[in-house]
PDB file of N, CA and C in Angstrom:
ATOM      1  N   MET A   1     -31.714  21.234 -30.233  1.00  0.00           N
ATOM      2  CA  MET A   1     -30.773  20.287 -30.700  1.00  0.00           C
ATOM      3  C   MET A   1     -29.371  20.510 -30.278  1.00  0.00           C
ATOM      4  N   ARG A   2     -29.007  21.718 -30.026  1.00  0.00           N
ATOM      5  CA  ARG A   2     -27.672  21.930 -29.364  1.00  0.00           C
ATOM      6  C   ARG A   2     -27.609  21.432 -28.021  1.00  0.00           C
ATOM      7  N   VAL A   3     -28.705  21.470 -27.268  1.00  0.00           N
ATOM      8  CA  VAL A   3     -28.751  20.939 -25.832  1.00  0.00           C
ATOM      9  C   VAL A   3     -28.446  19.490 -25.947  1.00  0.00           C
ATOM     10  N   LEU A   4     -29.080  18.738 -26.830  1.00  0.00           N
ATOM     11  CA  LEU A   4     -28.867  17.259 -26.926  1.00  0.00           C
ATOM     12  C   LEU A   4     -27.546  17.010 -27.279  1.00  0.00           C
ATOM     13  N   ILE A   5     -26.800  17.689 -28.073  1.00  0.00           N
ATOM     14  CA  ILE A   5     -25.355  17.415 -28.425  1.00  0.00           C
ATOM     15  C   ILE A   5     -24.515  17.703 -27.226  1.00  0.00           C
ATOM     16  N   ILE A   6     -24.828  18.783 -26.465  1.00  0.00           N
ATOM     17  CA  ILE A   6     -24.037  19.115 -25.269  1.00  0.00           C
ATOM     18  C   ILE A   6     -24.288  18.021 -24.222  1.00  0.00           C
ATOM     19  N   LEU A   7     -25.477  17.596 -24.151  1.00  0.00           N
ATOM     20  CA  LEU A   7     -25.748  16.444 -23.062  1.00  0.00           C
ATOM     21  C   LEU A   7     -25.000  15.198 -23.541  1.00  0.00           C
ATOM     22  N   ARG A   8     -24.999  14.839 -24.728  1.00  0.00           N
ATOM     23  CA  ARG A   8     -24.235  13.659 -25.244  1.00  0.00           C
ATOM     24  C   ARG A   8     -22.768  13.715 -24.973  1.00  0.00           C
ATOM     25  N   VAL A   9     -22.230  14.943 -25.266  1.00  0.00           N
ATOM     26  CA  VAL A   9     -20.752  15.155 -25.003  1.00  0.00           C
ATOM     27  C   VAL A   9     -20.500  15.032 -23.541  1.00  0.00           C
ATOM     28  N   LEU A  10     -21.319  15.641 -22.782  1.00  0.00           N
ATOM     29  CA  LEU A  10     -21.095  15.514 -21.226  1.00  0.00           C
ATOM     30  C   LEU A  10     -21.244  14.096 -20.767  1.00  0.00           C
ATOM     31  N   ILE A  11     -22.205  13.426 -21.238  1.00  0.00           N
ATOM     32  CA  ILE A  11     -22.301  11.938 -20.888  1.00  0.00           C
ATOM     33  C   ILE A  11     -21.089  11.186 -21.189  1.00  0.00           C
ATOM     34  N   ILE A  12     -20.643  11.418 -22.423  1.00  0.00           N
ATOM     35  CA  ILE A  12     -19.395  10.680 -22.878  1.00  0.00           C
ATOM     36  C   ILE A  12     -18.146  11.049 -22.015  1.00  0.00           C
ATOM     37  N   LEU A  13     -18.087  12.330 -21.638  1.00  0.00           N
ATOM     38  CA  LEU A  13     -16.961  12.763 -20.789  1.00  0.00           C
ATOM     39  C   LEU A  13     -17.081  12.224 -19.390  1.00  0.00           C
ATOM     40  N   ILE A  14     -18.274  12.149 -18.873  1.00  0.00           N
ATOM     41  CA  ILE A  14     -18.478  11.481 -17.580  1.00  0.00           C
ATOM     42  C   ILE A  14     -18.102  10.006 -17.690  1.00  0.00           C
ATOM     43  N   ILE A  15     -18.462   9.295 -18.682  1.00  0.00           N
ATOM     44  CA  ILE A  15     -18.139   7.878 -18.917  1.00  0.00           C
ATOM     45  C   ILE A  15     -16.609   7.657 -18.961  1.00  0.00           C
ATOM     46  N   LEU A  16     -15.988   8.567 -19.707  1.00  0.00           N
ATOM     47  CA  LEU A  16     -14.459   8.534 -19.782  1.00  0.00           C
ATOM     48  C   LEU A  16     -13.837   8.713 -18.487  1.00  0.00           C
ATOM     49  N   ILE A  17     -14.326   9.665 -17.736  1.00  0.00           N
ATOM     50  CA  ILE A  17     -13.722   9.994 -16.455  1.00  0.00           C
ATOM     51  C   ILE A  17     -13.841   8.802 -15.468  1.00  0.00           C
ATOM     52  N   ILE A  18     -15.004   8.215 -15.509  1.00  0.00           N
ATOM     53  CA  ILE A  18     -15.365   7.041 -14.693  1.00  0.00           C
ATOM     54  C   ILE A  18     -14.411   5.799 -15.098  1.00  0.00           C
ATOM     55  N   LEU A  19     -14.206   5.593 -16.422  1.00  0.00           N
ATOM     56  CA  LEU A  19     -13.236   4.536 -16.898  1.00  0.00           C
ATOM     57  C   LEU A  19     -11.851   4.822 -16.394  1.00  0.00           C
ATOM     58  N   ILE A  20     -11.422   6.121 -16.505  1.00  0.00           N
ATOM     59  CA  ILE A  20     -10.130   6.456 -16.069  1.00  0.00           C
ATOM     60  C   ILE A  20      -9.901   6.192 -14.526  1.00  0.00           C
ATOM     61  N   ILE A  21     -10.902   6.586 -13.776  1.00  0.00           N
ATOM     62  CA  ILE A  21     -10.870   6.267 -12.360  1.00  0.00           C
ATOM     63  C   ILE A  21     -10.816   4.786 -12.117  1.00  0.00           C
ATOM     64  N   LEU A  22     -11.605   4.041 -12.801  1.00  0.00           N
ATOM     65  CA  LEU A  22     -11.597   2.449 -12.579  1.00  0.00           C
ATOM     66  C   LEU A  22     -10.175   1.927 -13.008  1.00  0.00           C
ATOM     67  N   ILE A  23      -9.581   2.387 -14.060  1.00  0.00           N
ATOM     68  CA  ILE A  23      -8.308   2.008 -14.457  1.00  0.00           C
ATOM     69  C   ILE A  23      -7.203   2.333 -13.291  1.00  0.00           C
ATOM     70  N   ILE A  24      -7.283   3.404 -12.859  1.00  0.00           N
ATOM     71  CA  ILE A  24      -6.323   3.927 -11.692  1.00  0.00           C
ATOM     72  C   ILE A  24      -6.611   3.024 -10.580  1.00  0.00           C
ATOM     73  N   LEU A  25      -7.858   2.705 -10.162  1.00  0.00           N
ATOM     74  CA  LEU A  25      -8.073   1.844  -9.096  1.00  0.00           C
ATOM     75  C   LEU A  25      -7.508   0.477  -9.269  1.00  0.00           C
ATOM     76  N   ILE A  26      -7.795  -0.114 -10.466  1.00  0.00           N
ATOM     77  CA  ILE A  26      -7.192  -1.447 -10.783  1.00  0.00           C
ATOM     78  C   ILE A  26      -5.703  -1.479 -10.687  1.00  0.00           C
ATOM     79  N   ILE A  27      -5.016  -0.477 -11.210  1.00  0.00           N
ATOM     80  CA  ILE A  27      -3.557  -0.423 -11.072  1.00  0.00           C
ATOM     81  C   ILE A  27      -3.146  -0.241  -9.625  1.00  0.00           C
ATOM     82  N   LEU A  28      -3.853   0.470  -8.791  1.00  0.00           N
ATOM     83  CA  LEU A  28      -3.526   0.624  -7.383  1.00  0.00           C
ATOM     84  C   LEU A  28      -3.661  -0.766  -6.647  1.00  0.00           C
ATOM     85  N   ILE A  29      -4.783  -1.479  -6.966  1.00  0.00           N
ATOM     86  CA  ILE A  29      -5.044  -2.797  -6.391  1.00  0.00           C
ATOM     87  C   ILE A  29      -3.960  -3.771  -6.768  1.00  0.00           C
ATOM     88  N   ILE A  30      -3.554  -3.784  -8.009  1.00  0.00           N
ATOM     89  CA  ILE A  30      -2.517  -4.628  -8.453  1.00  0.00           C
ATOM     90  C   ILE A  30      -1.150  -4.327  -7.676  1.00  0.00           C
ATOM     91  N   LEU A  31      -0.869  -3.072  -7.528  1.00  0.00           N
ATOM     92  CA  LEU A  31       0.301  -2.651  -6.777  1.00  0.00           C
ATOM     93  C   LEU A  31       0.313  -3.112  -5.371  1.00  0.00           C
ATOM     94  N   ILE A  32      -0.874  -2.860  -4.660  1.00  0.00           N
ATOM     95  CA  ILE A  32      -1.099  -3.250  -3.293  1.00  0.00           C
ATOM     96  C   ILE A  32      -0.939  -4.821  -3.157  1.00  0.00           C
ATOM     97  N   ILE A  33      -1.543  -5.510  -3.987  1.00  0.00           N
ATOM     98  CA  ILE A  33      -1.527  -6.955  -3.891  1.00  0.00           C
ATOM     99  C   ILE A  33      -0.051  -7.520  -4.182  1.00  0.00           C
ATOM    100  N   SER A  34       0.713  -6.836  -5.090  1.00  0.00           N
ATOM    101  CA  SER A  34       2.015  -7.327  -5.323  1.00  0.00           C
ATOM    102  C   SER A  34       2.932  -7.113  -4.038  1.00  0.00           C
ATOM    103  N   ASN A  35       2.543  -6.256  -3.224  1.00  0.00           N
ATOM    104  CA  ASN A  35       3.316  -5.995  -2.026  1.00  0.00           C
ATOM    105  C   ASN A  35       3.006  -6.817  -0.777  1.00  0.00           C
ATOM    106  N   ILE A  36       2.019  -7.702  -0.991  1.00  0.00           N
ATOM    107  CA  ILE A  36       1.471  -8.400   0.181  1.00  0.00           C
ATOM    108  C   ILE A  36       2.449  -9.538   0.525  1.00  0.00           C
ATOM    109  N   SER A  37       2.999 -10.150  -0.418  1.00  0.00           N
ATOM    110  CA  SER A  37       3.963 -11.252  -0.175  1.00  0.00           C
ATOM    111  C   SER A  37       5.375 -10.953  -0.576  1.00  0.00           C
ATOM    112  N   LYS A  38       6.289 -11.599  -0.072  1.00  0.00           N
ATOM    113  CA  LYS A  38       7.725 -11.461  -0.329  1.00  0.00           C
ATOM    114  C   LYS A  38       8.400 -12.824  -0.369  1.00  0.00           C
ATOM    115  N   THR A  39       9.111 -13.000  -1.382  1.00  0.00           N
ATOM    116  CA  THR A  39       9.888 -14.287  -1.544  1.00  0.00           C
ATOM    117  C   THR A  39      11.347 -14.077  -1.351  1.00  0.00           C
ATOM    118  N   ILE A  40      11.923 -14.832  -0.424  1.00  0.00           N
ATOM    119  CA  ILE A  40      13.319 -14.796  -0.183  1.00  0.00           C
ATOM    120  C   ILE A  40      13.916 -16.156  -0.280  1.00  0.00           C
ATOM    121  N   VAL A  41      14.924 -16.365  -1.089  1.00  0.00           N
ATOM    122  CA  VAL A  41      15.536 -17.620  -1.281  1.00  0.00           C
ATOM    123  C   VAL A  41      16.783 -17.808  -0.396  1.00  0.00           C
ATOM    124  N   VAL A  42      16.777 -18.870   0.412  1.00  0.00           N
ATOM    125  CA  VAL A  42      17.950 -19.066   1.257  1.00  0.00           C
ATOM    126  C   VAL A  42      18.464 -20.478   1.058  1.00  0.00           C
ATOM    127  N   SER A  43      19.581 -20.742   1.496  1.00  0.00           N
ATOM    128  CA  SER A  43      20.275 -22.149   1.287  1.00  0.00           C
ATOM    129  C   SER A  43      19.903 -23.165   2.303  1.00  0.00           C
ATOM    130  N   ASN A  44      19.571 -22.714   3.503  1.00  0.00           N
ATOM    131  CA  ASN A  44      19.088 -23.614   4.568  1.00  0.00           C
ATOM    132  C   ASN A  44      18.300 -22.891   5.625  1.00  0.00           C
ATOM    133  N   TYR A  45      17.867 -23.569   6.717  1.00  0.00           N
ATOM    134  CA  TYR A  45      16.945 -23.124   7.647  1.00  0.00           C
ATOM    135  C   TYR A  45      17.752 -22.119   8.553  1.00  0.00           C
ATOM    136  N   LYS A  46      19.052 -22.461   8.823  1.00  0.00           N
ATOM    137  CA  LYS A  46      19.850 -21.530   9.606  1.00  0.00           C
ATOM    138  C   LYS A  46      19.822 -20.128   8.988  1.00  0.00           C
ATOM    139  N   GLN A  47      20.107 -20.129   7.689  1.00  0.00           N
ATOM    140  CA  GLN A  47      20.181 -18.797   7.059  1.00  0.00           C
ATOM    141  C   GLN A  47      18.729 -18.093   7.087  1.00  0.00           C
ATOM    142  N   ALA A  48      17.649 -18.902   7.059  1.00  0.00           N
ATOM    143  CA  ALA A  48      16.322 -18.397   7.140  1.00  0.00           C
ATOM    144  C   ALA A  48      16.169 -17.759   8.575  1.00  0.00           C
ATOM    145  N   CYS A  49      16.538 -18.458   9.518  1.00  0.00           N
ATOM    146  CA  CYS A  49      16.396 -17.927  10.873  1.00  0.00           C
ATOM    147  C   CYS A  49      17.095 -16.662  11.146  1.00  0.00           C
ATOM    148  N   GLU A  50      18.358 -16.573  10.444  1.00  0.00           N
ATOM    149  CA  GLU A  50      19.061 -15.443  10.619  1.00  0.00           C
ATOM    150  C   GLU A  50      18.372 -14.174  10.121  1.00  0.00           C
ATOM    151  N   LEU A  51      17.535 -14.267   9.099  1.00  0.00           N
ATOM    152  CA  LEU A  51      16.891 -13.240   8.433  1.00  0.00           C
ATOM    153  C   LEU A  51      15.582 -12.880   9.221  1.00  0.00           C
ATOM    154  N   ILE A  52      15.036 -13.558  10.039  1.00  0.00           N
ATOM    155  CA  ILE A  52      13.702 -13.323  10.813  1.00  0.00           C
ATOM    156  C   ILE A  52      13.737 -11.867  11.417  1.00  0.00           C
ATOM    157  N   ASP A  53      14.871 -11.455  12.074  1.00  0.00           N
ATOM    158  CA  ASP A  53      14.809 -10.135  12.797  1.00  0.00           C
ATOM    159  C   ASP A  53      14.479  -8.995  11.799  1.00  0.00           C
ATOM    160  N   SER A  54      15.229  -9.085  10.635  1.00  0.00           N
ATOM    161  CA  SER A  54      15.070  -8.031   9.628  1.00  0.00           C
ATOM    162  C   SER A  54      13.724  -8.029   9.072  1.00  0.00           C
ATOM    163  N   LEU A  55      13.176  -9.230   8.858  1.00  0.00           N
ATOM    164  CA  LEU A  55      11.771  -9.386   8.364  1.00  0.00           C
ATOM    165  C   LEU A  55      10.741  -8.750   9.287  1.00  0.00           C
ATOM    166  N   VAL A  56      10.940  -8.956  10.586  1.00  0.00           N
ATOM    167  CA  VAL A  56      10.057  -8.510  11.659  1.00  0.00           C
ATOM    168  C   VAL A  56      10.168  -6.929  11.515  1.00  0.00           C
ATOM    169  N   GLU A  57      11.253  -6.520  11.452  1.00  0.00           N
ATOM    170  CA  GLU A  57      11.415  -4.981  11.339  1.00  0.00           C
ATOM    171  C   GLU A  57      10.664  -4.401  10.109  1.00  0.00           C
ATOM    172  N   GLU A  58      10.460  -5.186   8.997  1.00  0.00           N
ATOM    173  CA  GLU A  58       9.814  -4.752   7.832  1.00  0.00           C
ATOM    174  C   GLU A  58       8.337  -4.915   8.017  1.00  0.00           C
ATOM    175  N   GLY A  59       7.899  -5.600   9.127  1.00  0.00           N
ATOM    176  CA  GLY A  59       6.483  -5.683   9.392  1.00  0.00           C
ATOM    177  C   GLY A  59       5.879  -7.113   8.851  1.00  0.00           C
ATOM    178  N   ILE A  60       6.778  -8.015   8.528  1.00  0.00           N
ATOM    179  CA  ILE A  60       6.302  -9.350   8.175  1.00  0.00           C
ATOM    180  C   ILE A  60       5.816 -10.068   9.445  1.00  0.00           C
ATOM    181  N   LYS A  61       4.646 -10.693   9.314  1.00  0.00           N
ATOM    182  CA  LYS A  61       3.938 -11.330  10.456  1.00  0.00           C
ATOM    183  C   LYS A  61       4.111 -12.922  10.431  1.00  0.00           C
ATOM    184  N   ALA A  62       4.266 -13.419   9.287  1.00  0.00           N
ATOM    185  CA  ALA A  62       4.274 -14.956   9.162  1.00  0.00           C
ATOM    186  C   ALA A  62       5.398 -15.299   8.051  1.00  0.00           C
ATOM    187  N   VAL A  63       5.977 -16.366   8.278  1.00  0.00           N
ATOM    188  CA  VAL A  63       7.087 -16.941   7.399  1.00  0.00           C
ATOM    189  C   VAL A  63       6.582 -18.300   7.037  1.00  0.00           C
ATOM    190  N   GLU A  64       6.674 -18.667   5.685  1.00  0.00           N
ATOM    191  CA  GLU A  64       6.358 -20.031   5.313  1.00  0.00           C
ATOM    192  C   GLU A  64       7.704 -20.597   4.889  1.00  0.00           C
ATOM    193  N   LEU A  65       8.070 -21.697   5.412  1.00  0.00           N
ATOM    194  CA  LEU A  65       9.378 -22.441   5.146  1.00  0.00           C
ATOM    195  C   LEU A  65       9.009 -23.640   4.355  1.00  0.00           C
ATOM    196  N   CYS A  66       9.453 -23.607   3.059  1.00  0.00           N
ATOM    197  CA  CYS A  66       9.092 -24.702   2.269  1.00  0.00           C
ATOM    198  C   CYS A  66      10.400 -25.314   1.675  1.00  0.00           C
ATOM    199  N   GLY A  67      10.400 -26.604   1.236  1.00  0.00           N
ATOM    200  CA  GLY A  67      11.506 -27.320   0.647  1.00  0.00           C
ATOM    201  C   GLY A  67      11.609 -26.717  -0.830  1.00  0.00           C
ATOM    202  N   GLY A  68      12.806 -26.888  -1.354  1.00  0.00           N
ATOM    203  CA  GLY A  68      13.156 -26.318  -2.658  1.00  0.00           C
ATOM    204  C   GLY A  68      12.586 -27.077  -3.926  1.00  0.00           C
ATOM    205  N   SER A  69      12.199 -28.238  -3.673  1.00  0.00           N
ATOM    206  CA  SER A  69      11.737 -29.179  -4.704  1.00  0.00           C
ATOM    207  C   SER A  69      10.135 -29.174  -4.665  1.00  0.00           C
ATOM    208  N   VAL A  70       9.577 -29.303  -5.827  1.00  0.00           N
ATOM    209  CA  VAL A  70       8.146 -29.427  -6.054  1.00  0.00           C
ATOM    210  C   VAL A  70       7.724 -30.746  -5.390  1.00  0.00           C
ATOM    211  N   LYS A  71       8.461 -31.772  -5.338  1.00  0.00           N
ATOM    212  CA  LYS A  71       8.150 -33.089  -4.819  1.00  0.00           C
ATOM    213  C   LYS A  71       8.066 -32.914  -3.257  1.00  0.00           C
ATOM    214  N   ARG A  72       8.596 -32.056  -2.627  1.00  0.00           N
ATOM    215  CA  ARG A  72       8.558 -31.856  -1.176  1.00  0.00           C
ATOM    216  C   ARG A  72       7.348 -31.094  -0.764  1.00  0.00           C
ATOM    217  N   ALA A  73       6.753 -31.399   0.285  1.00  0.00           N
ATOM    218  CA  ALA A  73       5.644 -30.617   0.799  1.00  0.00           C
ATOM    219  C   ALA A  73       6.138 -29.465   1.585  1.00  0.00           C
ATOM    220  N   CYS A  74       5.244 -28.490   1.784  1.00  0.00           N
ATOM    221  CA  CYS A  74       5.753 -27.386   2.585  1.00  0.00           C
ATOM    222  C   CYS A  74       5.908 -27.878   4.061  1.00  0.00           C
ATOM    223  N   LEU A  75       6.906 -27.322   4.700  1.00  0.00           N
ATOM    224  CA  LEU A  75       7.272 -27.755   6.022  1.00  0.00           C
ATOM    225  C   LEU A  75       6.584 -26.973   7.083  1.00  0.00           C
ATOM    226  N   GLY A  76       5.759 -25.981   6.753  1.00  0.00           N
ATOM    227  CA  GLY A  76       4.925 -25.296   7.759  1.00  0.00           C
ATOM    228  C   GLY A  76       4.926 -23.850   7.786  1.00  0.00           C
ATOM    229  N   TRP A  77       4.003 -23.309   8.453  1.00  0.00           N
ATOM    230  CA  TRP A  77       3.909 -21.803   8.689  1.00  0.00           C
ATOM    231  C   TRP A  77       4.376 -21.512  10.145  1.00  0.00           C
ATOM    232  N   PHE A  78       5.085 -20.478  10.396  1.00  0.00           N
ATOM    233  CA  PHE A  78       5.493 -20.056  11.658  1.00  0.00           C
ATOM    234  C   PHE A  78       5.155 -18.674  11.953  1.00  0.00           C
ATOM    235  N   GLN A  79       4.248 -18.579  13.006  1.00  0.00           N
ATOM    236  CA  GLN A  79       3.802 -17.162  13.439  1.00  0.00           C
ATOM    237  C   GLN A  79       5.073 -16.473  13.978  1.00  0.00           C
ATOM    238  N   ILE A  80       5.185 -15.251  13.739  1.00  0.00           N
ATOM    239  CA  ILE A  80       6.326 -14.467  14.375  1.00  0.00           C
ATOM    240  C   ILE A  80       5.728 -13.680  15.480  1.00  0.00           C
ATOM    241  N   PRO A  81       6.137 -13.796  16.741  1.00  0.00           N
ATOM    242  CA  PRO A  81       5.469 -13.061  17.810  1.00  0.00           C
ATOM    243  C   PRO A  81       5.668 -11.547  17.600  1.00  0.00           C
TER     244      PRO A  81
END
């Protein structure tokens, strides 16, 4: 009887440890995903171009230049060499 109780407790502990590990993994994935993109607001394209060098130093590989209004379509993606 004691063996069954000990086994049940061990199984519950293992399940709790697995759940904690899964929660930690989910939090890490959310943190990684949130660092994938970066939004920078600028007044015009000249100001955007002036920021390109600092973005490249941070490891940014592509820049999406969009209009400020929802009615405007995105103006394009530019690959940074």
